[in-house]
């Protein structure tokens, strides 16, 4: 599995608090080993983000990504609080 990041994601990630950055790294490791681990709550989104998926980073923070080439590439497009991402 190849992990890639959009420029928007990189910019948002740099602004994240240190604990969110650490949590993301931990969740990314889980994602690469078991994409369907219950701790991730990996799920398909709907509405304007219907082609994307989301994983839980913390109770309120999410990372949004697209699976490309049948999940061989995970392309992260956004990270942020639930209310910021889905408003």
Protein backbone atom coordinates (compact mmCIF):
# COMPACT_ATOMS: atom_id res chain seq x y z
CA UNK A 1 0.00 0.00 0.00
CA UNK A 2 1.38 3.39 -1.05
CA UNK A 3 0.46 6.46 1.02
CA UNK A 4 0.26 9.87 -0.69
CA UNK A 5 -0.82 13.30 0.51
CA UNK A 6 -2.41 16.27 -1.24
CA UNK A 7 -0.88 19.71 -0.76
CA UNK A 8 -4.02 20.70 1.16
CA UNK A 9 -3.55 17.79 3.56
CA UNK A 10 0.12 18.65 4.12
CA UNK A 11 -0.77 22.27 4.85
CA UNK A 12 -3.54 21.26 7.29
CA UNK A 13 -1.33 18.63 8.95
CA UNK A 14 1.40 21.19 9.67
CA UNK A 15 -1.17 23.26 11.61
CA UNK A 16 -2.37 20.32 13.72
CA UNK A 17 -1.53 20.16 17.43
CA UNK A 18 1.30 17.72 18.28
CA UNK A 19 -1.08 15.20 19.88
CA UNK A 20 -3.15 15.04 16.67
CA UNK A 21 -0.02 14.52 14.57
CA UNK A 22 1.03 11.65 16.84
CA UNK A 23 -2.45 10.12 16.77
CA UNK A 24 -2.53 10.34 12.97
CA UNK A 25 0.80 8.53 12.70
CA UNK A 26 -0.48 5.78 15.00
CA UNK A 27 -3.71 5.42 13.04
CA UNK A 28 -1.81 5.39 9.75
CA UNK A 29 0.22 2.43 11.00
CA UNK A 30 -3.00 0.63 11.92
CA UNK A 31 -4.50 1.48 8.51
CA UNK A 32 -1.55 0.00 6.65
CA UNK A 33 -1.72 -3.21 8.69
CA UNK A 34 -5.49 -3.64 8.98
CA UNK A 35 -7.61 -1.16 7.02
CA UNK A 36 -10.79 -2.50 8.61
CA UNK A 37 -9.69 -2.32 12.24
CA UNK A 38 -12.68 -1.17 14.33
CA UNK A 39 -10.58 1.54 16.01
CA UNK A 40 -10.36 3.39 12.68
CA UNK A 41 -14.08 3.43 11.90
CA UNK A 42 -13.01 3.39 8.25
CA UNK A 43 -16.14 4.27 6.30
CA UNK A 44 -17.42 5.57 2.98
CA UNK A 45 -18.61 9.17 3.00
CA UNK A 46 -21.71 10.58 1.38
CA UNK A 47 -22.81 13.84 -0.20
CA UNK A 48 -20.13 15.98 -1.79
CA UNK A 49 -17.46 13.59 -0.43
CA UNK A 50 -19.16 10.42 -1.68
CA UNK A 51 -16.03 9.18 -3.49
CA UNK A 52 -13.92 9.39 -0.34
CA UNK A 53 -13.47 7.53 2.92
CA UNK A 54 -12.75 8.70 6.46
CA UNK A 55 -10.91 7.31 9.48
CA UNK A 56 -11.06 8.47 13.10
CA UNK A 57 -7.91 10.11 14.41
CA UNK A 58 -9.32 11.05 17.83
CA UNK A 59 -12.84 11.44 19.17
CA UNK A 60 -13.42 14.56 17.05
CA UNK A 61 -10.66 14.54 14.43
CA UNK A 62 -10.89 12.73 11.09
CA UNK A 63 -8.66 12.13 8.06
CA UNK A 64 -10.31 11.95 4.65
CA UNK A 65 -8.78 9.90 1.85
CA UNK A 66 -9.40 8.30 -1.50
CA UNK A 67 -8.58 4.70 -2.34
CA UNK A 68 -6.94 4.48 -5.75
CA UNK A 69 -6.24 1.35 -7.78
CA UNK A 70 -8.34 -0.95 -5.55
CA UNK A 71 -6.75 0.34 -2.35
CA UNK A 72 -3.16 0.04 -3.51
CA UNK A 73 -2.81 3.82 -3.12
CA UNK A 74 -4.25 5.76 -0.19
CA UNK A 75 -4.43 9.46 -1.06
CA UNK A 76 -5.14 11.70 1.93
CA UNK A 77 -6.92 14.92 1.02
CA UNK A 78 -7.90 16.50 4.36
CA UNK A 79 -7.53 16.33 8.12
CA UNK A 80 -9.52 18.24 10.69
CA UNK A 81 -12.27 18.24 13.25
CA UNK A 82 -15.55 16.57 12.36
CA UNK A 83 -17.39 19.90 12.24
CA UNK A 84 -14.69 21.56 10.09
CA UNK A 85 -14.58 18.76 7.52
CA UNK A 86 -18.29 18.10 7.16
CA UNK A 87 -19.84 21.56 7.42
